[in-house]
Amino acid sequence: MSRTLTVAAAQLGPIARDESRQSAVARLSAMMREAKTHGADLVIFPELALTTFFPRWFFADQAEVDAFFERAMPNPAVQPLFDLAGELGIGFNLGYAELTPEGRHFNTSILVNRKGEIVGKYRKVHLPGHRDNEPWRPFQHLEKRYFETGDLGFPVFEAFDGRLGLCICNDRRWPETYRVMGLQGVEMVLLGYNTPQHYALAPEQDHLQDFHNHLVMQAGAYQNGTWVVGVAKAGSEEGCALIGGSCIIAPTGEIVAQCETLDDEVVVHACDLDACRRIQDNIFNFALHREPQTYGLITETKGKVAGLGGKT
C-alpha cells in the first residue's frame, strides 16, 4: 500500500503594506478551508506570508523593520490559523519573519502537524539582495540587511508519514539545498517564495523569471527523487510585480499541478511518497553512484577559484 500525502499549494495574491496580520490570516484560513474540501492533508503557504515583502524598502529606523517580525509563534494574531488546523485536522507550512528573544532576525518557515503543533523549523540560508541603501533601484532587496543567515542547516523531519524538508525562496536556486536534504532521504521539499518579475542587476533576463523558477525546482526534484512544492506570493504588490507559477512537482521532475492566476489560489495533488524510491533507488542511487571524494571544492571554497589542472 502506497503512502499518499495530499498536498495543497496555497498561493497568495499581494499583501498591502498596511494590511493587518488578521486580514492575512483570514485569507490563509479561507484557503486552508478550501484545501480541506479537496482532501488535503497539508497546505503550503508562501514565504513571509503574514506581511508585505518589506525588504523592498530601506528603513533607517530598526523599529520600523521590527514591526514586520513575529516575536512568538504562534501569537494572538496567528493563533486562529493554528486553531483551524487542529479543528480541520490539516497540517500547514508557513513562512514569516522571526525575531527571537535574543534579538536575532531570521526569514523562517515552520511545519505544523494536524493538531496545530509546530514539528519543524527552518531559517533561510541563501539570502539574496544587498545590505546598503541603493536608491537607484526601482525597489530595494535588503534581505542581507534585515535577516541573519539561517543557523539550522537543512533538516529533514519525520512527519505526515514521510520525510519532509523545508527551504525558502532563493534557496531553491542552489543545488546544495536539495542535495543536503536528498542525502537525508527527503521525500518532499516545501518552499515558499516572493520573486520579482524584474531583476535590476540583469534586466535582460526578466522574461526568463518564470522559466528559471520552474527549472531549478524541477531539477532539484528529479536529481534527488523528491516531491517539491513551490508556493508564491504573486501579483502586483505595492507596485512590484511578483511572479506566480506555484506548483507541485513529482520526483520525476514533472509539474503535476500549477496555479493559473496571480491571486489567492489553491491547487491540490495526491502525492505518492513511495514514488521517490523509483528515482532514489535507481539513477540517483547515492550510495552506488556518488563519488564525494571528488567534490571537495564544493565545501572548501565560497567563491570561484582558478582552474586546478584537472584536479578537484
C-alpha atoms as a PDB file:
ATOM      1  CA  MET A   1       0.000   0.000   0.000  1.00  0.00           C
ATOM      2  CA  SER A   2       1.493   3.333  -1.072  1.00  0.00           C
ATOM      3  CA  ARG A   3       1.917   6.300   1.253  1.00  0.00           C
ATOM      4  CA  THR A   4      -0.192   9.088  -0.210  1.00  0.00           C
ATOM      5  CA  LEU A   5       0.135  12.638   1.084  1.00  0.00           C
ATOM      6  CA  THR A   6      -2.419  15.001  -0.434  1.00  0.00           C
ATOM      7  CA  VAL A   7      -0.854  18.439  -0.595  1.00  0.00           C
ATOM      8  CA  ALA A   8      -2.293  21.880  -1.339  1.00  0.00           C
ATOM      9  CA  ALA A   9      -0.189  24.701  -2.772  1.00  0.00           C
ATOM     10  CA  ALA A  10      -1.891  27.845  -1.409  1.00  0.00           C
ATOM     11  CA  GLN A  11      -0.688  30.801  -3.450  1.00  0.00           C
ATOM     12  CA  LEU A  12      -1.246  34.298  -2.064  1.00  0.00           C
ATOM     13  CA  GLY A  13      -2.033  37.371  -4.058  1.00  0.00           C
ATOM     14  CA  PRO A  14      -0.386  40.636  -2.990  1.00  0.00           C
ATOM     15  CA  ILE A  15      -0.431  41.851   0.609  1.00  0.00           C
ATOM     16  CA  ALA A  16      -0.563  45.620   1.022  1.00  0.00           C
ATOM     17  CA  ARG A  17       1.913  47.367   3.305  1.00  0.00           C
ATOM     18  CA  ASP A  18      -0.897  48.438   5.631  1.00  0.00           C
ATOM     19  CA  GLU A  19      -2.766  45.114   5.565  1.00  0.00           C
ATOM     20  CA  SER A  20      -3.141  43.690   9.064  1.00  0.00           C
ATOM     21  CA  ARG A  21      -1.952  40.300  10.272  1.00  0.00           C
ATOM     22  CA  GLN A  22      -5.596  39.495  10.979  1.00  0.00           C
ATOM     23  CA  SER A  23      -6.504  40.121   7.341  1.00  0.00           C
ATOM     24  CA  ALA A  24      -3.643  37.960   6.078  1.00  0.00           C
ATOM     25  CA  VAL A  25      -4.561  35.157   8.486  1.00  0.00           C
ATOM     26  CA  ALA A  26      -8.191  35.321   7.366  1.00  0.00           C
ATOM     27  CA  ARG A  27      -7.057  34.820   3.763  1.00  0.00           C
ATOM     28  CA  LEU A  28      -4.806  31.920   4.743  1.00  0.00           C
ATOM     29  CA  SER A  29      -7.653  30.396   6.733  1.00  0.00           C
ATOM     30  CA  ALA A  30     -10.009  30.606   3.764  1.00  0.00           C
ATOM     31  CA  MET A  31      -7.506  28.755   1.607  1.00  0.00           C
ATOM     32  CA  MET A  32      -6.951  26.180   4.337  1.00  0.00           C
ATOM     33  CA  ARG A  33     -10.692  25.501   4.400  1.00  0.00           C
ATOM     34  CA  GLU A  34     -10.729  25.198   0.608  1.00  0.00           C
ATOM     35  CA  ALA A  35      -7.766  22.810   0.696  1.00  0.00           C
ATOM     36  CA  LYS A  36      -9.573  20.649   3.216  1.00  0.00           C
ATOM     37  CA  THR A  37     -12.630  20.367   0.949  1.00  0.00           C
ATOM     38  CA  HIS A  38     -10.302  18.860  -1.673  1.00  0.00           C
ATOM     39  CA  GLY A  39      -8.992  16.300   0.792  1.00  0.00           C
ATOM     40  CA  ALA A  40      -5.654  17.926   1.545  1.00  0.00           C
ATOM     41  CA  ASP A  41      -3.576  16.653   4.465  1.00  0.00           C
ATOM     42  CA  LEU A  42      -1.070  19.514   4.288  1.00  0.00           C
ATOM     43  CA  VAL A  43      -1.268  23.067   2.934  1.00  0.00           C
ATOM     44  CA  ILE A  44       1.808  25.069   1.907  1.00  0.00           C
ATOM     45  CA  PHE A  45       1.837  28.878   2.224  1.00  0.00           C
ATOM     46  CA  PRO A  46       4.417  31.321   0.798  1.00  0.00           C
ATOM     47  CA  GLU A  47       7.489  32.968   2.255  1.00  0.00           C
ATOM     48  CA  LEU A  48       6.699  35.921   4.567  1.00  0.00           C
ATOM     49  CA  ALA A  49       3.016  35.070   4.299  1.00  0.00           C
ATOM     50  CA  LEU A  50       1.828  37.388   7.076  1.00  0.00           C
ATOM     51  CA  THR A  51       3.054  40.712   5.674  1.00  0.00           C
ATOM     52  CA  THR A  52       4.014  42.507   2.526  1.00  0.00           C
ATOM     53  CA  PHE A  53       7.558  41.809   1.296  1.00  0.00           C
ATOM     54  CA  PHE A  54       9.147  44.548   3.404  1.00  0.00           C
ATOM     55  CA  PRO A  55      12.799  44.126   2.236  1.00  0.00           C
ATOM     56  CA  ARG A  56      11.818  46.133  -0.845  1.00  0.00           C
ATOM     57  CA  TRP A  57      12.111  49.305   1.293  1.00  0.00           C
ATOM     58  CA  PHE A  58      15.051  50.878   3.103  1.00  0.00           C
ATOM     59  CA  PHE A  59      14.266  51.693   6.738  1.00  0.00           C
ATOM     60  CA  ALA A  60      16.738  53.701   8.806  1.00  0.00           C
ATOM     61  CA  ASP A  61      14.728  53.046  11.975  1.00  0.00           C
ATOM     62  CA  GLN A  62      15.067  49.447  13.182  1.00  0.00           C
ATOM     63  CA  ALA A  63      11.751  49.729  14.998  1.00  0.00           C
ATOM     64  CA  GLU A  64      10.012  50.125  11.630  1.00  0.00           C
ATOM     65  CA  VAL A  65      11.667  46.926  10.435  1.00  0.00           C
ATOM     66  CA  ASP A  66      10.836  45.011  13.611  1.00  0.00           C
ATOM     67  CA  ALA A  67       7.152  45.791  13.148  1.00  0.00           C
ATOM     68  CA  PHE A  68       7.121  43.193  10.359  1.00  0.00           C
ATOM     69  CA  PHE A  69       8.574  40.467  12.600  1.00  0.00           C
ATOM     70  CA  GLU A  70       6.854  37.911  14.835  1.00  0.00           C
ATOM     71  CA  ARG A  71       8.202  37.718  18.395  1.00  0.00           C
ATOM     72  CA  ALA A  72       6.421  34.447  19.103  1.00  0.00           C
ATOM     73  CA  MET A  73       4.839  31.713  17.051  1.00  0.00           C
ATOM     74  CA  PRO A  74       2.001  31.255  17.385  1.00  0.00           C
ATOM     75  CA  ASN A  75       0.947  34.678  18.633  1.00  0.00           C
ATOM     76  CA  PRO A  76      -2.540  36.115  19.133  1.00  0.00           C
ATOM     77  CA  ALA A  77      -2.846  37.286  15.513  1.00  0.00           C
ATOM     78  CA  VAL A  78      -1.826  33.913  14.075  1.00  0.00           C
ATOM     79  CA  GLN A  79      -3.386  31.622  16.680  1.00  0.00           C
ATOM     80  CA  PRO A  80      -6.654  31.316  14.692  1.00  0.00           C
ATOM     81  CA  LEU A  81      -4.745  29.577  11.880  1.00  0.00           C
ATOM     82  CA  PHE A  82      -3.297  27.046  14.337  1.00  0.00           C
ATOM     83  CA  ASP A  83      -6.723  26.534  15.884  1.00  0.00           C
ATOM     84  CA  LEU A  84      -8.287  25.968  12.483  1.00  0.00           C
ATOM     85  CA  ALA A  85      -5.617  23.425  11.565  1.00  0.00           C
ATOM     86  CA  GLY A  86      -6.437  21.462  14.714  1.00  0.00           C
ATOM     87  CA  GLU A  87     -10.166  21.747  14.050  1.00  0.00           C
ATOM     88  CA  LEU A  88      -9.867  20.548  10.451  1.00  0.00           C
ATOM     89  CA  GLY A  89      -7.129  18.017  11.099  1.00  0.00           C
ATOM     90  CA  ILE A  90      -4.849  19.511   8.460  1.00  0.00           C
ATOM     91  CA  GLY A  91      -1.176  20.461   8.655  1.00  0.00           C
ATOM     92  CA  PHE A  92       0.492  23.538   7.191  1.00  0.00           C
ATOM     93  CA  ASN A  93       3.802  25.134   6.283  1.00  0.00           C
ATOM     94  CA  LEU A  94       4.087  28.869   6.969  1.00  0.00           C
ATOM     95  CA  GLY A  95       6.769  31.428   6.193  1.00  0.00           C
ATOM     96  CA  TYR A  96       7.245  34.513   8.391  1.00  0.00           C
ATOM     97  CA  ALA A  97       9.841  36.964   9.749  1.00  0.00           C
ATOM     98  CA  GLU A  98      11.125  35.732  13.129  1.00  0.00           C
ATOM     99  CA  LEU A  99      12.508  37.979  15.881  1.00  0.00           C
ATOM    100  CA  THR A 100      13.991  35.798  18.623  1.00  0.00           C
ATOM    101  CA  PRO A 101      14.032  36.660  22.350  1.00  0.00           C
ATOM    102  CA  GLU A 102      17.772  37.316  21.912  1.00  0.00           C
ATOM    103  CA  GLY A 103      17.042  39.942  19.255  1.00  0.00           C
ATOM    104  CA  ARG A 104      18.079  37.870  16.222  1.00  0.00           C
ATOM    105  CA  HIS A 105      16.253  38.234  12.907  1.00  0.00           C
ATOM    106  CA  PHE A 106      15.537  35.326  10.571  1.00  0.00           C
ATOM    107  CA  ASN A 107      13.453  34.565   7.497  1.00  0.00           C
ATOM    108  CA  THR A 108      11.738  31.482   8.877  1.00  0.00           C
ATOM    109  CA  SER A 109       9.494  28.612   7.833  1.00  0.00           C
ATOM    110  CA  ILE A 110       7.670  26.210  10.141  1.00  0.00           C
ATOM    111  CA  LEU A 111       5.947  22.870   9.685  1.00  0.00           C
ATOM    112  CA  VAL A 112       2.767  22.351  11.717  1.00  0.00           C
ATOM    113  CA  ASN A 113       1.045  18.989  12.190  1.00  0.00           C
ATOM    114  CA  ARG A 114      -2.638  18.116  12.040  1.00  0.00           C
ATOM    115  CA  LYS A 115      -3.054  19.004  15.734  1.00  0.00           C
ATOM    116  CA  GLY A 116      -1.793  22.549  15.235  1.00  0.00           C
ATOM    117  CA  GLU A 117       1.610  21.782  16.782  1.00  0.00           C
ATOM    118  CA  ILE A 118       4.933  23.012  15.381  1.00  0.00           C
ATOM    119  CA  VAL A 119       7.015  19.954  14.444  1.00  0.00           C
ATOM    120  CA  GLY A 120       9.728  21.561  12.314  1.00  0.00           C
ATOM    121  CA  LYS A 121      11.519  24.861  11.770  1.00  0.00           C
ATOM    122  CA  TYR A 122      13.905  26.179   9.113  1.00  0.00           C
ATOM    123  CA  ARG A 123      15.706  29.523   8.773  1.00  0.00           C
ATOM    124  CA  LYS A 124      16.645  30.776   5.310  1.00  0.00           C
ATOM    125  CA  VAL A 125      20.291  30.178   4.414  1.00  0.00           C
ATOM    126  CA  HIS A 126      20.756  31.726   0.956  1.00  0.00           C
ATOM    127  CA  LEU A 127      19.891  35.395   1.492  1.00  0.00           C
ATOM    128  CA  PRO A 128      19.775  37.335  -1.792  1.00  0.00           C
ATOM    129  CA  GLY A 129      19.995  41.052  -2.386  1.00  0.00           C
ATOM    130  CA  HIS A 130      22.171  43.672  -0.694  1.00  0.00           C
ATOM    131  CA  ARG A 131      22.837  45.432   2.640  1.00  0.00           C
ATOM    132  CA  ASP A 132      23.087  49.140   1.858  1.00  0.00           C
ATOM    133  CA  ASN A 133      20.557  51.648   0.599  1.00  0.00           C
ATOM    134  CA  GLU A 134      20.670  51.672  -3.216  1.00  0.00           C
ATOM    135  CA  PRO A 135      18.120  54.273  -4.255  1.00  0.00           C
ATOM    136  CA  TRP A 136      18.842  53.813  -7.965  1.00  0.00           C
ATOM    137  CA  ARG A 137      16.871  50.567  -7.874  1.00  0.00           C
ATOM    138  CA  PRO A 138      13.140  50.656  -8.703  1.00  0.00           C
ATOM    139  CA  PHE A 139      12.732  48.743  -5.423  1.00  0.00           C
ATOM    140  CA  GLN A 140      15.216  47.524  -2.834  1.00  0.00           C
ATOM    141  CA  HIS A 141      16.067  43.923  -1.971  1.00  0.00           C
ATOM    142  CA  LEU A 142      17.521  44.255   1.517  1.00  0.00           C
ATOM    143  CA  GLU A 143      17.310  40.709   2.849  1.00  0.00           C
ATOM    144  CA  LYS A 144      21.016  40.766   3.713  1.00  0.00           C
ATOM    145  CA  ARG A 145      20.369  43.853   5.835  1.00  0.00           C
ATOM    146  CA  TYR A 146      17.272  42.696   7.671  1.00  0.00           C
ATOM    147  CA  PHE A 147      17.980  38.972   8.187  1.00  0.00           C
ATOM    148  CA  GLU A 148      20.789  36.817   9.526  1.00  0.00           C
ATOM    149  CA  THR A 149      21.894  33.702   7.663  1.00  0.00           C
ATOM    150  CA  GLY A 150      19.906  30.731   8.907  1.00  0.00           C
ATOM    151  CA  ASP A 151      21.585  28.656  11.606  1.00  0.00           C
ATOM    152  CA  LEU A 152      19.570  25.423  11.497  1.00  0.00           C
ATOM    153  CA  GLY A 153      21.040  23.882   8.355  1.00  0.00           C
ATOM    154  CA  PHE A 154      18.712  21.911   6.090  1.00  0.00           C
ATOM    155  CA  PRO A 155      16.969  19.454   8.438  1.00  0.00           C
ATOM    156  CA  VAL A 156      14.530  16.784   7.305  1.00  0.00           C
ATOM    157  CA  PHE A 157      11.570  15.994   9.549  1.00  0.00           C
ATOM    158  CA  GLU A 158       9.693  12.738  10.097  1.00  0.00           C
ATOM    159  CA  ALA A 159       6.117  13.924   9.665  1.00  0.00           C
ATOM    160  CA  PHE A 160       2.924  13.089   7.759  1.00  0.00           C
ATOM    161  CA  ASP A 161       4.184   9.512   7.322  1.00  0.00           C
ATOM    162  CA  GLY A 162       7.123  10.779   5.284  1.00  0.00           C
ATOM    163  CA  ARG A 163      10.396  12.683   5.331  1.00  0.00           C
ATOM    164  CA  LEU A 164       9.786  16.393   4.731  1.00  0.00           C
ATOM    165  CA  GLY A 165      12.281  19.209   4.271  1.00  0.00           C
ATOM    166  CA  LEU A 166      11.907  22.993   4.223  1.00  0.00           C
ATOM    167  CA  CYS A 167      13.634  25.788   2.350  1.00  0.00           C
ATOM    168  CA  ILE A 168      12.756  29.336   1.312  1.00  0.00           C
ATOM    169  CA  CYS A 169      12.765  31.266  -1.973  1.00  0.00           C
ATOM    170  CA  ASN A 170      16.380  31.845  -3.098  1.00  0.00           C
ATOM    171  CA  ASP A 171      17.387  28.534  -1.512  1.00  0.00           C
ATOM    172  CA  ARG A 172      15.628  26.826  -4.409  1.00  0.00           C
ATOM    173  CA  ARG A 173      18.212  28.145  -6.887  1.00  0.00           C
ATOM    174  CA  TRP A 174      21.113  26.339  -5.167  1.00  0.00           C
ATOM    175  CA  PRO A 175      21.571  22.612  -5.868  1.00  0.00           C
ATOM    176  CA  GLU A 176      23.243  22.147  -2.482  1.00  0.00           C
ATOM    177  CA  THR A 177      19.904  22.889  -0.820  1.00  0.00           C
ATOM    178  CA  TYR A 178      18.225  19.860  -2.338  1.00  0.00           C
ATOM    179  CA  ARG A 179      21.298  17.620  -2.145  1.00  0.00           C
ATOM    180  CA  VAL A 180      21.790  18.067   1.610  1.00  0.00           C
ATOM    181  CA  MET A 181      18.152  17.099   2.130  1.00  0.00           C
ATOM    182  CA  GLY A 182      18.403  14.397  -0.518  1.00  0.00           C
ATOM    183  CA  LEU A 183      21.247  12.800   1.410  1.00  0.00           C
ATOM    184  CA  GLN A 184      18.816  12.544   4.330  1.00  0.00           C
ATOM    185  CA  GLY A 185      16.275  10.698   2.193  1.00  0.00           C
ATOM    186  CA  VAL A 186      13.895  13.618   1.798  1.00  0.00           C
ATOM    187  CA  GLU A 187      10.599  12.760   0.108  1.00  0.00           C
ATOM    188  CA  MET A 188       9.023  16.206  -0.141  1.00  0.00           C
ATOM    189  CA  VAL A 189      10.569  19.688  -0.114  1.00  0.00           C
ATOM    190  CA  LEU A 190       8.255  22.536   0.886  1.00  0.00           C
ATOM    191  CA  LEU A 191       9.198  26.064  -0.111  1.00  0.00           C
ATOM    192  CA  GLY A 192       7.606  29.476  -0.376  1.00  0.00           C
ATOM    193  CA  TYR A 193       8.867  32.398  -2.418  1.00  0.00           C
ATOM    194  CA  ASN A 194       8.439  36.111  -3.225  1.00  0.00           C
ATOM    195  CA  THR A 195      10.133  36.612  -6.602  1.00  0.00           C
ATOM    196  CA  PRO A 196      10.005  39.895  -8.543  1.00  0.00           C
ATOM    197  CA  GLN A 197       9.457  39.795 -12.278  1.00  0.00           C
ATOM    198  CA  HIS A 198      12.193  42.422 -12.645  1.00  0.00           C
ATOM    199  CA  TYR A 199      15.815  41.787 -11.664  1.00  0.00           C
ATOM    200  CA  ALA A 200      17.618  45.108 -11.507  1.00  0.00           C
ATOM    201  CA  LEU A 201      21.126  43.663 -12.000  1.00  0.00           C
ATOM    202  CA  ALA A 202      20.260  41.718 -15.160  1.00  0.00           C
ATOM    203  CA  PRO A 203      17.009  43.092 -16.624  1.00  0.00           C
ATOM    204  CA  GLU A 204      17.647  41.270 -19.899  1.00  0.00           C
ATOM    205  CA  GLN A 205      16.685  38.090 -18.046  1.00  0.00           C
ATOM    206  CA  ASP A 206      13.333  39.359 -16.797  1.00  0.00           C
ATOM    207  CA  HIS A 207      11.484  37.340 -19.426  1.00  0.00           C
ATOM    208  CA  LEU A 208      13.106  34.168 -18.053  1.00  0.00           C
ATOM    209  CA  GLN A 209      11.993  34.563 -14.428  1.00  0.00           C
ATOM    210  CA  ASP A 210       9.125  32.076 -14.674  1.00  0.00           C
ATOM    211  CA  PHE A 211      11.273  29.618 -16.628  1.00  0.00           C
ATOM    212  CA  HIS A 212      14.132  29.790 -14.127  1.00  0.00           C
ATOM    213  CA  ASN A 213      11.698  29.401 -11.233  1.00  0.00           C
ATOM    214  CA  HIS A 214      10.411  26.087 -12.513  1.00  0.00           C
ATOM    215  CA  LEU A 215      13.773  24.959 -13.902  1.00  0.00           C
ATOM    216  CA  VAL A 216      15.555  24.908 -10.548  1.00  0.00           C
ATOM    217  CA  MET A 217      12.689  23.265  -8.675  1.00  0.00           C
ATOM    218  CA  GLN A 218      12.188  20.588 -11.334  1.00  0.00           C
ATOM    219  CA  ALA A 219      15.917  19.858 -11.406  1.00  0.00           C
ATOM    220  CA  GLY A 220      16.049  19.630  -7.608  1.00  0.00           C
ATOM    221  CA  ALA A 221      13.098  17.243  -7.607  1.00  0.00           C
ATOM    222  CA  TYR A 222      14.497  14.900 -10.262  1.00  0.00           C
ATOM    223  CA  GLN A 223      18.130  14.904  -9.112  1.00  0.00           C
ATOM    224  CA  ASN A 224      17.083  13.923  -5.590  1.00  0.00           C
ATOM    225  CA  GLY A 225      13.994  11.834  -6.316  1.00  0.00           C
ATOM    226  CA  THR A 226      11.733  14.047  -4.225  1.00  0.00           C
ATOM    227  CA  TRP A 227       8.435  15.861  -4.479  1.00  0.00           C
ATOM    228  CA  VAL A 228       8.819  19.658  -4.458  1.00  0.00           C
ATOM    229  CA  VAL A 229       6.010  22.067  -3.605  1.00  0.00           C
ATOM    230  CA  GLY A 230       6.820  25.685  -4.509  1.00  0.00           C
ATOM    231  CA  VAL A 231       4.328  28.371  -3.480  1.00  0.00           C
ATOM    232  CA  ALA A 232       4.416  32.051  -4.412  1.00  0.00           C
ATOM    233  CA  LYS A 233       3.220  35.360  -3.128  1.00  0.00           C
ATOM    234  CA  ALA A 234       2.168  36.745  -6.501  1.00  0.00           C
ATOM    235  CA  GLY A 235       0.753  39.741  -8.332  1.00  0.00           C
ATOM    236  CA  SER A 236       1.389  43.470  -8.114  1.00  0.00           C
ATOM    237  CA  GLU A 237       2.372  44.143  -4.501  1.00  0.00           C
ATOM    238  CA  GLU A 238       2.951  47.834  -3.706  1.00  0.00           C
ATOM    239  CA  GLY A 239       3.883  48.411  -7.342  1.00  0.00           C
ATOM    240  CA  CYS A 240       6.283  45.464  -7.534  1.00  0.00           C
ATOM    241  CA  ALA A 241       5.280  42.663  -9.911  1.00  0.00           C
ATOM    242  CA  LEU A 242       5.773  39.230  -8.339  1.00  0.00           C
ATOM    243  CA  ILE A 243       5.737  36.037 -10.387  1.00  0.00           C
ATOM    244  CA  GLY A 244       3.287  33.246  -9.618  1.00  0.00           C
ATOM    245  CA  GLY A 245       3.698  29.774 -11.019  1.00  0.00           C
ATOM    246  CA  SER A 246       3.066  27.973  -7.727  1.00  0.00           C
ATOM    247  CA  CYS A 247       3.279  24.270  -8.437  1.00  0.00           C
ATOM    248  CA  ILE A 248       3.624  20.708  -7.240  1.00  0.00           C
ATOM    249  CA  ILE A 249       6.463  18.748  -8.862  1.00  0.00           C
ATOM    250  CA  ALA A 250       6.846  14.974  -8.933  1.00  0.00           C
ATOM    251  CA  PRO A 251      10.125  13.119  -8.223  1.00  0.00           C
ATOM    252  CA  THR A 252      10.462  12.696 -11.992  1.00  0.00           C
ATOM    253  CA  GLY A 253      10.704  16.483 -12.337  1.00  0.00           C
ATOM    254  CA  GLU A 254       7.257  16.782 -13.913  1.00  0.00           C
ATOM    255  CA  ILE A 255       4.865  19.544 -12.849  1.00  0.00           C
ATOM    256  CA  VAL A 256       1.643  17.774 -11.869  1.00  0.00           C
ATOM    257  CA  ALA A 257      -0.361  20.796 -10.624  1.00  0.00           C
ATOM    258  CA  GLN A 258       0.100  24.540 -11.132  1.00  0.00           C
ATOM    259  CA  CYS A 259      -1.714  27.765 -10.244  1.00  0.00           C
ATOM    260  CA  GLU A 260      -3.055  29.748 -13.187  1.00  0.00           C
ATOM    261  CA  THR A 261      -3.607  33.182 -11.633  1.00  0.00           C
ATOM    262  CA  LEU A 262      -1.647  35.780  -9.647  1.00  0.00           C
ATOM    263  CA  ASP A 263      -4.237  35.857  -6.861  1.00  0.00           C
ATOM    264  CA  ASP A 264      -5.162  33.739  -3.849  1.00  0.00           C
ATOM    265  CA  GLU A 265      -5.458  30.272  -5.395  1.00  0.00           C
ATOM    266  CA  VAL A 266      -5.271  26.660  -4.240  1.00  0.00           C
ATOM    267  CA  VAL A 267      -4.179  23.624  -6.251  1.00  0.00           C
ATOM    268  CA  VAL A 268      -4.129  20.117  -4.806  1.00  0.00           C
ATOM    269  CA  HIS A 269      -2.437  16.850  -5.717  1.00  0.00           C
ATOM    270  CA  ALA A 270      -2.281  13.401  -4.129  1.00  0.00           C
ATOM    271  CA  CYS A 271       1.452  12.665  -3.848  1.00  0.00           C
ATOM    272  CA  ASP A 272       2.691   9.070  -3.678  1.00  0.00           C
ATOM    273  CA  LEU A 273       5.708   9.307  -1.372  1.00  0.00           C
ATOM    274  CA  ASP A 274       6.809   5.815  -2.348  1.00  0.00           C
ATOM    275  CA  ALA A 275       7.324   7.079  -5.906  1.00  0.00           C
ATOM    276  CA  CYS A 276      10.528   8.677  -4.589  1.00  0.00           C
ATOM    277  CA  ARG A 277      12.096   5.214  -4.379  1.00  0.00           C
ATOM    278  CA  ARG A 278      11.916   4.754  -8.156  1.00  0.00           C
ATOM    279  CA  ILE A 279      14.414   7.580  -8.572  1.00  0.00           C
ATOM    280  CA  GLN A 280      16.370   7.262  -5.314  1.00  0.00           C
ATOM    281  CA  ASP A 281      16.980   3.515  -5.757  1.00  0.00           C
ATOM    282  CA  ASN A 282      17.967   3.710  -9.415  1.00  0.00           C
ATOM    283  CA  ILE A 283      19.526   6.506 -11.478  1.00  0.00           C
ATOM    284  CA  PHE A 284      20.185   8.642  -8.366  1.00  0.00           C
ATOM    285  CA  ASN A 285      21.203   5.830  -6.050  1.00  0.00           C
ATOM    286  CA  PHE A 286      23.613   7.921  -3.988  1.00  0.00           C
ATOM    287  CA  ALA A 287      25.319   5.024  -2.201  1.00  0.00           C
ATOM    288  CA  LEU A 288      26.037   3.305  -5.506  1.00  0.00           C
ATOM    289  CA  HIS A 289      26.945   6.219  -7.770  1.00  0.00           C
ATOM    290  CA  ARG A 290      28.115   9.279  -5.796  1.00  0.00           C
ATOM    291  CA  GLU A 291      31.868   9.967  -5.562  1.00  0.00           C
ATOM    292  CA  PRO A 292      32.111  12.505  -2.714  1.00  0.00           C
ATOM    293  CA  GLN A 293      35.901  12.314  -2.551  1.00  0.00           C
ATOM    294  CA  THR A 294      35.936  14.316  -5.795  1.00  0.00           C
ATOM    295  CA  TYR A 295      33.551  17.053  -4.607  1.00  0.00           C
ATOM    296  CA  GLY A 296      35.751  18.726  -2.002  1.00  0.00           C
ATOM    297  CA  LEU A 297      35.802  22.075  -3.777  1.00  0.00           C
ATOM    298  CA  ILE A 298      32.092  22.492  -3.075  1.00  0.00           C
ATOM    299  CA  THR A 299      32.630  22.940   0.667  1.00  0.00           C
ATOM    300  CA  GLU A 300      36.245  24.142   0.684  1.00  0.00           C
ATOM    301  CA  THR A 301      35.604  27.472  -1.014  1.00  0.00           C
ATOM    302  CA  LYS A 302      32.826  30.056  -1.081  1.00  0.00           C
ATOM    303  CA  GLY A 303      33.671  31.749  -4.388  1.00  0.00           C
ATOM    304  CA  LYS A 304      35.262  30.694  -7.656  1.00  0.00           C
ATOM    305  CA  VAL A 305      38.897  29.596  -7.745  1.00  0.00           C
ATOM    306  CA  ALA A 306      41.439  29.297 -10.532  1.00  0.00           C
ATOM    307  CA  GLY A 307      41.435  26.122 -12.639  1.00  0.00           C
ATOM    308  CA  LEU A 308      43.038  23.174 -10.906  1.00  0.00           C
ATOM    309  CA  GLY A 309      44.519  21.485 -13.963  1.00  0.00           C
ATOM    310  CA  GLY A 310      42.126  18.578 -13.853  1.00  0.00           C
ATOM    311  CA  LYS A 311      42.387  18.056 -10.092  1.00  0.00           C
ATOM    312  CA  THR A 312      39.452  18.558  -7.735  1.00  0.00           C
END
